[in-house]
Amino acid sequence: MSAVMEYMQRYHYSWTIVTYNVVIDAFGRAGDLKQMELMRSERIKPSCVTLCSLVRAYREAGKPEKIRSVLRFIENSDIN
């Protein structure tokens, strides 16, 4: 997946919420929580799709504390 990110940087593609969600979901499905969390730290505002991808990945990894963190984030934000 880092190849996709390198390609985007090399050819000056900018992130959209769609590409951001696809990459986060791919890292999550691959079980690469470290890369998924690095992507989450990018300056793109997460959508409900982003947050669902995070919850799914954390559930698969058996990380209930991370799920609670996402739920708290949702409760305290204006996510659509």
PDB file of N, CA and C in Angstrom:
ATOM      1  N   MET A   1       0.816  -1.192   0.000  1.00  0.00           N
ATOM      2  CA  MET A   1       0.000   0.000   0.000  1.00  0.00           C
ATOM      3  C   MET A   1       0.855   1.249   0.000  1.00  0.00           C
ATOM      4  N   SER A   2       2.031   1.158   0.582  1.00  0.00           N
ATOM      5  CA  SER A   2       2.890   2.338   0.568  1.00  0.00           C
ATOM      6  C   SER A   2       3.270   2.710  -0.858  1.00  0.00           C
ATOM      7  N   ALA A   3       3.239   1.741  -1.773  1.00  0.00           N
ATOM      8  CA  ALA A   3       3.520   2.042  -3.177  1.00  0.00           C
ATOM      9  C   ALA A   3       2.474   3.006  -3.732  1.00  0.00           C
ATOM     10  N   VAL A   4       1.230   2.834  -3.330  1.00  0.00           N
ATOM     11  CA  VAL A   4       0.167   3.744  -3.769  1.00  0.00           C
ATOM     12  C   VAL A   4       0.439   5.145  -3.248  1.00  0.00           C
ATOM     13  N   MET A   5       0.823   5.229  -1.985  1.00  0.00           N
ATOM     14  CA  MET A   5       1.098   6.532  -1.384  1.00  0.00           C
ATOM     15  C   MET A   5       2.292   7.203  -2.067  1.00  0.00           C
ATOM     16  N   GLU A   6       3.334   6.425  -2.356  1.00  0.00           N
ATOM     17  CA  GLU A   6       4.501   6.976  -3.054  1.00  0.00           C
ATOM     18  C   GLU A   6       4.123   7.457  -4.450  1.00  0.00           C
ATOM     19  N   TYR A   7       3.303   6.682  -5.151  1.00  0.00           N
ATOM     20  CA  TYR A   7       2.853   7.059  -6.489  1.00  0.00           C
ATOM     21  C   TYR A   7       2.096   8.385  -6.443  1.00  0.00           C
ATOM     22  N   MET A   8       1.204   8.507  -5.464  1.00  0.00           N
ATOM     23  CA  MET A   8       0.424   9.742  -5.341  1.00  0.00           C
ATOM     24  C   MET A   8       1.330  10.938  -5.085  1.00  0.00           C
ATOM     25  N   GLN A   9       2.341  10.753  -4.252  1.00  0.00           N
ATOM     26  CA  GLN A   9       3.266  11.850  -3.968  1.00  0.00           C
ATOM     27  C   GLN A   9       4.109  12.189  -5.191  1.00  0.00           C
ATOM     28  N   ARG A  10       4.608  11.161  -5.867  1.00  0.00           N
ATOM     29  CA  ARG A  10       5.482  11.380  -7.020  1.00  0.00           C
ATOM     30  C   ARG A  10       4.773  12.157  -8.121  1.00  0.00           C
ATOM     31  N   TYR A  11       3.510  11.837  -8.350  1.00  0.00           N
ATOM     32  CA  TYR A  11       2.771  12.475  -9.438  1.00  0.00           C
ATOM     33  C   TYR A  11       1.840  13.589  -8.959  1.00  0.00           C
ATOM     34  N   HIS A  12       2.070  14.023  -7.737  1.00  0.00           N
ATOM     35  CA  HIS A  12       1.382  15.194  -7.169  1.00  0.00           C
ATOM     36  C   HIS A  12      -0.139  15.059  -7.137  1.00  0.00           C
ATOM     37  N   TYR A  13      -0.602  13.847  -6.845  1.00  0.00           N
ATOM     38  CA  TYR A  13      -2.034  13.663  -6.613  1.00  0.00           C
ATOM     39  C   TYR A  13      -2.335  14.118  -5.199  1.00  0.00           C
ATOM     40  N   SER A  14      -3.444  14.787  -5.033  1.00  0.00           N
ATOM     41  CA  SER A  14      -3.810  15.211  -3.685  1.00  0.00           C
ATOM     42  C   SER A  14      -4.845  14.240  -3.118  1.00  0.00           C
ATOM     43  N   TRP A  15      -4.838  14.155  -1.807  1.00  0.00           N
ATOM     44  CA  TRP A  15      -5.779  13.279  -1.125  1.00  0.00           C
ATOM     45  C   TRP A  15      -7.183  13.869  -1.179  1.00  0.00           C
ATOM     46  N   THR A  16      -8.137  13.002  -1.411  1.00  0.00           N
ATOM     47  CA  THR A  16      -9.546  13.352  -1.254  1.00  0.00           C
ATOM     48  C   THR A  16     -10.079  12.456  -0.145  1.00  0.00           C
ATOM     49  N   ILE A  17     -11.260  12.713   0.311  1.00  0.00           N
ATOM     50  CA  ILE A  17     -11.834  11.858   1.345  1.00  0.00           C
ATOM     51  C   ILE A  17     -12.006  10.434   0.823  1.00  0.00           C
ATOM     52  N   VAL A  18     -12.251  10.277  -0.473  1.00  0.00           N
ATOM     53  CA  VAL A  18     -12.429   8.939  -1.050  1.00  0.00           C
ATOM     54  C   VAL A  18     -11.113   8.170  -1.038  1.00  0.00           C
ATOM     55  N   THR A  19     -10.031   8.778  -1.539  1.00  0.00           N
ATOM     56  CA  THR A  19      -8.749   8.066  -1.540  1.00  0.00           C
ATOM     57  C   THR A  19      -8.287   7.797  -0.115  1.00  0.00           C
ATOM     58  N   TYR A  20      -8.496   8.742   0.757  1.00  0.00           N
ATOM     59  CA  TYR A  20      -8.149   8.586   2.174  1.00  0.00           C
ATOM     60  C   TYR A  20      -8.888   7.387   2.772  1.00  0.00           C
ATOM     61  N   ASN A  21     -10.186   7.294   2.530  1.00  0.00           N
ATOM     62  CA  ASN A  21     -10.974   6.181   3.060  1.00  0.00           C
ATOM     63  C   ASN A  21     -10.537   4.845   2.485  1.00  0.00           C
ATOM     64  N   VAL A  22     -10.247   4.808   1.200  1.00  0.00           N
ATOM     65  CA  VAL A  22      -9.821   3.561   0.563  1.00  0.00           C
ATOM     66  C   VAL A  22      -8.515   3.071   1.178  1.00  0.00           C
ATOM     67  N   VAL A  23      -7.561   3.972   1.353  1.00  0.00           N
ATOM     68  CA  VAL A  23      -6.260   3.580   1.904  1.00  0.00           C
ATOM     69  C   VAL A  23      -6.398   3.148   3.362  1.00  0.00           C
ATOM     70  N   ILE A  24      -7.152   3.879   4.154  1.00  0.00           N
ATOM     71  CA  ILE A  24      -7.355   3.493   5.559  1.00  0.00           C
ATOM     72  C   ILE A  24      -8.036   2.128   5.635  1.00  0.00           C
ATOM     73  N   ASP A  25      -9.052   1.915   4.820  1.00  0.00           N
ATOM     74  CA  ASP A  25      -9.753   0.636   4.836  1.00  0.00           C
ATOM     75  C   ASP A  25      -8.824  -0.500   4.413  1.00  0.00           C
ATOM     76  N   ALA A  26      -8.000  -0.270   3.405  1.00  0.00           N
ATOM     77  CA  ALA A  26      -7.070  -1.309   2.946  1.00  0.00           C
ATOM     78  C   ALA A  26      -6.070  -1.674   4.041  1.00  0.00           C
ATOM     79  N   PHE A  27      -5.493  -0.678   4.702  1.00  0.00           N
ATOM     80  CA  PHE A  27      -4.579  -0.970   5.805  1.00  0.00           C
ATOM     81  C   PHE A  27      -5.298  -1.730   6.915  1.00  0.00           C
ATOM     82  N   GLY A  28      -6.502  -1.312   7.235  1.00  0.00           N
ATOM     83  CA  GLY A  28      -7.262  -1.986   8.285  1.00  0.00           C
ATOM     84  C   GLY A  28      -7.567  -3.429   7.942  1.00  0.00           C
ATOM     85  N   ARG A  29      -8.000  -3.682   6.711  1.00  0.00           N
ATOM     86  CA  ARG A  29      -8.317  -5.053   6.287  1.00  0.00           C
ATOM     87  C   ARG A  29      -7.070  -5.931   6.242  1.00  0.00           C
ATOM     88  N   ALA A  30      -5.925  -5.315   5.976  1.00  0.00           N
ATOM     89  CA  ALA A  30      -4.663  -6.065   5.963  1.00  0.00           C
ATOM     90  C   ALA A  30      -4.120  -6.283   7.373  1.00  0.00           C
ATOM     91  N   GLY A  31      -4.762  -5.672   8.355  1.00  0.00           N
ATOM     92  CA  GLY A  31      -4.299  -5.806   9.733  1.00  0.00           C
ATOM     93  C   GLY A  31      -3.112  -4.930  10.066  1.00  0.00           C
ATOM     94  N   ASP A  32      -2.821  -3.974   9.197  1.00  0.00           N
ATOM     95  CA  ASP A  32      -1.688  -3.067   9.418  1.00  0.00           C
ATOM     96  C   ASP A  32      -2.178  -1.828  10.169  1.00  0.00           C
ATOM     97  N   LEU A  33      -2.420  -2.005  11.462  1.00  0.00           N
ATOM     98  CA  LEU A  33      -2.981  -0.923  12.266  1.00  0.00           C
ATOM     99  C   LEU A  33      -2.023   0.254  12.387  1.00  0.00           C
ATOM    100  N   LYS A  34      -0.725  -0.030  12.380  1.00  0.00           N
ATOM    101  CA  LYS A  34       0.252   1.064  12.487  1.00  0.00           C
ATOM    102  C   LYS A  34       0.112   2.022  11.302  1.00  0.00           C
ATOM    103  N   GLN A  35       0.084   1.489  10.089  1.00  0.00           N
ATOM    104  CA  GLN A  35      -0.063   2.336   8.899  1.00  0.00           C
ATOM    105  C   GLN A  35      -1.442   2.988   8.869  1.00  0.00           C
ATOM    106  N   MET A  36      -2.452   2.243   9.299  1.00  0.00           N
ATOM    107  CA  MET A  36      -3.801   2.796   9.323  1.00  0.00           C
ATOM    108  C   MET A  36      -3.850   4.006  10.252  1.00  0.00           C
ATOM    109  N   GLU A  37      -3.225   3.890  11.415  1.00  0.00           N
ATOM    110  CA  GLU A  37      -3.231   4.998  12.370  1.00  0.00           C
ATOM    111  C   GLU A  37      -2.375   6.164  11.881  1.00  0.00           C
ATOM    112  N   LEU A  38      -1.297   5.879  11.157  1.00  0.00           N
ATOM    113  CA  LEU A  38      -0.509   6.964  10.560  1.00  0.00           C
ATOM    114  C   LEU A  38      -1.351   7.737   9.555  1.00  0.00           C
ATOM    115  N   MET A  39      -2.133   7.013   8.758  1.00  0.00           N
ATOM    116  CA  MET A  39      -3.011   7.677   7.793  1.00  0.00           C
ATOM    117  C   MET A  39      -4.055   8.509   8.523  1.00  0.00           C
ATOM    118  N   ARG A  40      -4.557   7.987   9.617  1.00  0.00           N
ATOM    119  CA  ARG A  40      -5.581   8.709  10.374  1.00  0.00           C
ATOM    120  C   ARG A  40      -5.041  10.037  10.878  1.00  0.00           C
ATOM    121  N   SER A  41      -3.745  10.102  11.105  1.00  0.00           N
ATOM    122  CA  SER A  41      -3.150  11.337  11.617  1.00  0.00           C
ATOM    123  C   SER A  41      -2.961  12.398  10.532  1.00  0.00           C
ATOM    124  N   GLU A  42      -3.242  12.045   9.277  1.00  0.00           N
ATOM    125  CA  GLU A  42      -3.173  13.044   8.203  1.00  0.00           C
ATOM    126  C   GLU A  42      -4.202  14.139   8.478  1.00  0.00           C
ATOM    127  N   ARG A  43      -4.083  15.225   7.800  1.00  0.00           N
ATOM    128  CA  ARG A  43      -4.931  16.387   8.086  1.00  0.00           C
ATOM    129  C   ARG A  43      -6.259  16.389   7.326  1.00  0.00           C
ATOM    130  N   ILE A  44      -6.766  15.222   7.019  1.00  0.00           N
ATOM    131  CA  ILE A  44      -8.052  15.125   6.345  1.00  0.00           C
ATOM    132  C   ILE A  44      -9.109  14.785   7.390  1.00  0.00           C
ATOM    133  N   LYS A  45     -10.205  15.516   7.377  1.00  0.00           N
ATOM    134  CA  LYS A  45     -11.276  15.266   8.342  1.00  0.00           C
ATOM    135  C   LYS A  45     -11.933  13.922   8.024  1.00  0.00           C
ATOM    136  N   PRO A  46     -12.000  13.025   8.997  1.00  0.00           N
ATOM    137  CA  PRO A  46     -12.600  11.715   8.731  1.00  0.00           C
ATOM    138  C   PRO A  46     -14.105  11.819   8.508  1.00  0.00           C
ATOM    139  N   SER A  47     -14.612  10.901   7.708  1.00  0.00           N
ATOM    140  CA  SER A  47     -16.053  10.810   7.474  1.00  0.00           C
ATOM    141  C   SER A  47     -16.584   9.606   8.245  1.00  0.00           C
ATOM    142  N   CYS A  48     -17.877   9.379   8.151  1.00  0.00           N
ATOM    143  CA  CYS A  48     -18.441   8.202   8.816  1.00  0.00           C
ATOM    144  C   CYS A  48     -17.875   6.922   8.203  1.00  0.00           C
ATOM    145  N   VAL A  49     -17.541   6.938   6.915  1.00  0.00           N
ATOM    146  CA  VAL A  49     -16.921   5.777   6.265  1.00  0.00           C
ATOM    147  C   VAL A  49     -15.552   5.511   6.880  1.00  0.00           C
ATOM    148  N   THR A  50     -14.774   6.562   7.089  1.00  0.00           N
ATOM    149  CA  THR A  50     -13.460   6.431   7.714  1.00  0.00           C
ATOM    150  C   THR A  50     -13.594   5.775   9.082  1.00  0.00           C
ATOM    151  N   LEU A  51     -14.509   6.280   9.875  1.00  0.00           N
ATOM    152  CA  LEU A  51     -14.664   5.800  11.242  1.00  0.00           C
ATOM    153  C   LEU A  51     -15.179   4.367  11.282  1.00  0.00           C
ATOM    154  N   CYS A  52     -16.043   4.004  10.359  1.00  0.00           N
ATOM    155  CA  CYS A  52     -16.500   2.608  10.278  1.00  0.00           C
ATOM    156  C   CYS A  52     -15.343   1.678   9.937  1.00  0.00           C
ATOM    157  N   SER A  53     -14.457   2.118   9.055  1.00  0.00           N
ATOM    158  CA  SER A  53     -13.277   1.319   8.714  1.00  0.00           C
ATOM    159  C   SER A  53     -12.387   1.123   9.930  1.00  0.00           C
ATOM    160  N   LEU A  54     -12.212   2.178  10.711  1.00  0.00           N
ATOM    161  CA  LEU A  54     -11.399   2.078  11.927  1.00  0.00           C
ATOM    162  C   LEU A  54     -12.020   1.098  12.916  1.00  0.00           C
ATOM    163  N   VAL A  55     -13.320   1.222  13.149  1.00  0.00           N
ATOM    164  CA  VAL A  55     -13.991   0.330  14.097  1.00  0.00           C
ATOM    165  C   VAL A  55     -13.874  -1.122  13.640  1.00  0.00           C
ATOM    166  N   ARG A  56     -14.085  -1.381  12.349  1.00  0.00           N
ATOM    167  CA  ARG A  56     -13.980  -2.750  11.828  1.00  0.00           C
ATOM    168  C   ARG A  56     -12.579  -3.309  12.052  1.00  0.00           C
ATOM    169  N   ALA A  57     -11.558  -2.517  11.744  1.00  0.00           N
ATOM    170  CA  ALA A  57     -10.179  -2.983  11.905  1.00  0.00           C
ATOM    171  C   ALA A  57      -9.853  -3.245  13.372  1.00  0.00           C
ATOM    172  N   TYR A  58     -10.281  -2.355  14.244  1.00  0.00           N
ATOM    173  CA  TYR A  58     -10.026  -2.547  15.675  1.00  0.00           C
ATOM    174  C   TYR A  58     -10.787  -3.754  16.223  1.00  0.00           C
ATOM    175  N   ARG A  59     -11.992  -3.985  15.712  1.00  0.00           N
ATOM    176  CA  ARG A  59     -12.746  -5.167  16.142  1.00  0.00           C
ATOM    177  C   ARG A  59     -12.006  -6.440  15.740  1.00  0.00           C
ATOM    178  N   GLU A  60     -11.552  -6.485  14.490  1.00  0.00           N
ATOM    179  CA  GLU A  60     -10.824  -7.659  14.003  1.00  0.00           C
ATOM    180  C   GLU A  60      -9.533  -7.889  14.781  1.00  0.00           C
ATOM    181  N   ALA A  61      -8.909  -6.804  15.231  1.00  0.00           N
ATOM    182  CA  ALA A  61      -7.648  -6.903  15.974  1.00  0.00           C
ATOM    183  C   ALA A  61      -7.871  -7.124  17.469  1.00  0.00           C
ATOM    184  N   GLY A  62      -9.137  -7.134  17.902  1.00  0.00           N
ATOM    185  CA  GLY A  62      -9.425  -7.328  19.316  1.00  0.00           C
ATOM    186  C   GLY A  62      -8.967  -6.166  20.180  1.00  0.00           C
ATOM    187  N   LYS A  63      -9.248  -4.948  19.720  1.00  0.00           N
ATOM    188  CA  LYS A  63      -8.821  -3.734  20.425  1.00  0.00           C
ATOM    189  C   LYS A  63     -10.038  -2.919  20.886  1.00  0.00           C
ATOM    190  N   PRO A  64     -10.763  -3.396  21.914  1.00  0.00           N
ATOM    191  CA  PRO A  64     -11.973  -2.679  22.342  1.00  0.00           C
ATOM    192  C   PRO A  64     -11.696  -1.262  22.839  1.00  0.00           C
ATOM    193  N   GLU A  65     -10.525  -1.026  23.422  1.00  0.00           N
ATOM    194  CA  GLU A  65     -10.212   0.332  23.901  1.00  0.00           C
ATOM    195  C   GLU A  65     -10.096   1.311  22.737  1.00  0.00           C
ATOM    196  N   LYS A  66      -9.598   0.835  21.601  1.00  0.00           N
ATOM    197  CA  LYS A  66      -9.505   1.689  20.408  1.00  0.00           C
ATOM    198  C   LYS A  66     -10.900   1.976  19.846  1.00  0.00           C
ATOM    199  N   ILE A  67     -11.772   0.976  19.905  1.00  0.00           N
ATOM    200  CA  ILE A  67     -13.150   1.181  19.446  1.00  0.00           C
ATOM    201  C   ILE A  67     -13.824   2.242  20.306  1.00  0.00           C
ATOM    202  N   ARG A  68     -13.649   2.145  21.614  1.00  0.00           N
ATOM    203  CA  ARG A  68     -14.233   3.153  22.508  1.00  0.00           C
ATOM    204  C   ARG A  68     -13.686   4.542  22.199  1.00  0.00           C
ATOM    205  N   SER A  69     -12.415   4.613  21.850  1.00  0.00           N
ATOM    206  CA  SER A  69     -11.808   5.902  21.498  1.00  0.00           C
ATOM    207  C   SER A  69     -12.478   6.500  20.258  1.00  0.00           C
ATOM    208  N   VAL A  70     -12.725   5.670  19.254  1.00  0.00           N
ATOM    209  CA  VAL A  70     -13.403   6.141  18.044  1.00  0.00           C
ATOM    210  C   VAL A  70     -14.824   6.589  18.385  1.00  0.00           C
ATOM    211  N   LEU A  71     -15.512   5.822  19.213  1.00  0.00           N
ATOM    212  CA  LEU A  71     -16.879   6.192  19.593  1.00  0.00           C
ATOM    213  C   LEU A  71     -16.911   7.515  20.354  1.00  0.00           C
ATOM    214  N   ARG A  72     -15.942   7.737  21.229  1.00  0.00           N
ATOM    215  CA  ARG A  72     -15.863   9.031  21.932  1.00  0.00           C
ATOM    216  C   ARG A  72     -15.619  10.165  20.934  1.00  0.00           C
ATOM    217  N   PHE A  73     -14.754   9.903  19.954  1.00  0.00           N
ATOM    218  CA  PHE A  73     -14.486  10.900  18.921  1.00  0.00           C
ATOM    219  C   PHE A  73     -15.780  11.256  18.191  1.00  0.00           C
ATOM    220  N   ILE A  74     -16.557  10.241  17.844  1.00  0.00           N
ATOM    221  CA  ILE A  74     -17.822  10.469  17.135  1.00  0.00           C
ATOM    222  C   ILE A  74     -18.773  11.300  17.988  1.00  0.00           C
ATOM    223  N   GLU A  75     -18.874  10.956  19.261  1.00  0.00           N
ATOM    224  CA  GLU A  75     -19.776  11.680  20.159  1.00  0.00           C
ATOM    225  C   GLU A  75     -19.403  13.152  20.297  1.00  0.00           C
ATOM    226  N   ASN A  76     -18.117  13.456  20.184  1.00  0.00           N
ATOM    227  CA  ASN A  76     -17.635  14.825  20.398  1.00  0.00           C
ATOM    228  C   ASN A  76     -17.357  15.584  19.107  1.00  0.00           C
ATOM    229  N   SER A  77     -17.826  15.069  17.987  1.00  0.00           N
ATOM    230  CA  SER A  77     -17.537  15.738  16.713  1.00  0.00           C
ATOM    231  C   SER A  77     -18.819  15.961  15.924  1.00  0.00           C
ATOM    232  N   ASP A  78     -18.649  16.591  14.788  1.00  0.00           N
ATOM    233  CA  ASP A  78     -19.793  16.862  13.906  1.00  0.00           C
ATOM    234  C   ASP A  78     -19.698  16.029  12.630  1.00  0.00           C
ATOM    235  N   ILE A  79     -19.384  14.765  12.787  1.00  0.00           N
ATOM    236  CA  ILE A  79     -19.235  13.861  11.649  1.00  0.00           C
ATOM    237  C   ILE A  79     -20.590  13.624  11.004  1.00  0.00           C
ATOM    238  N   ASN A  80     -20.589  13.662   9.668  1.00  0.00           N
ATOM    239  CA  ASN A  80     -21.821  13.395   8.907  1.00  0.00           C
ATOM    240  C   ASN A  80     -21.791  12.008   8.339  1.00  0.00           C
TER     241      ASN A  80
END
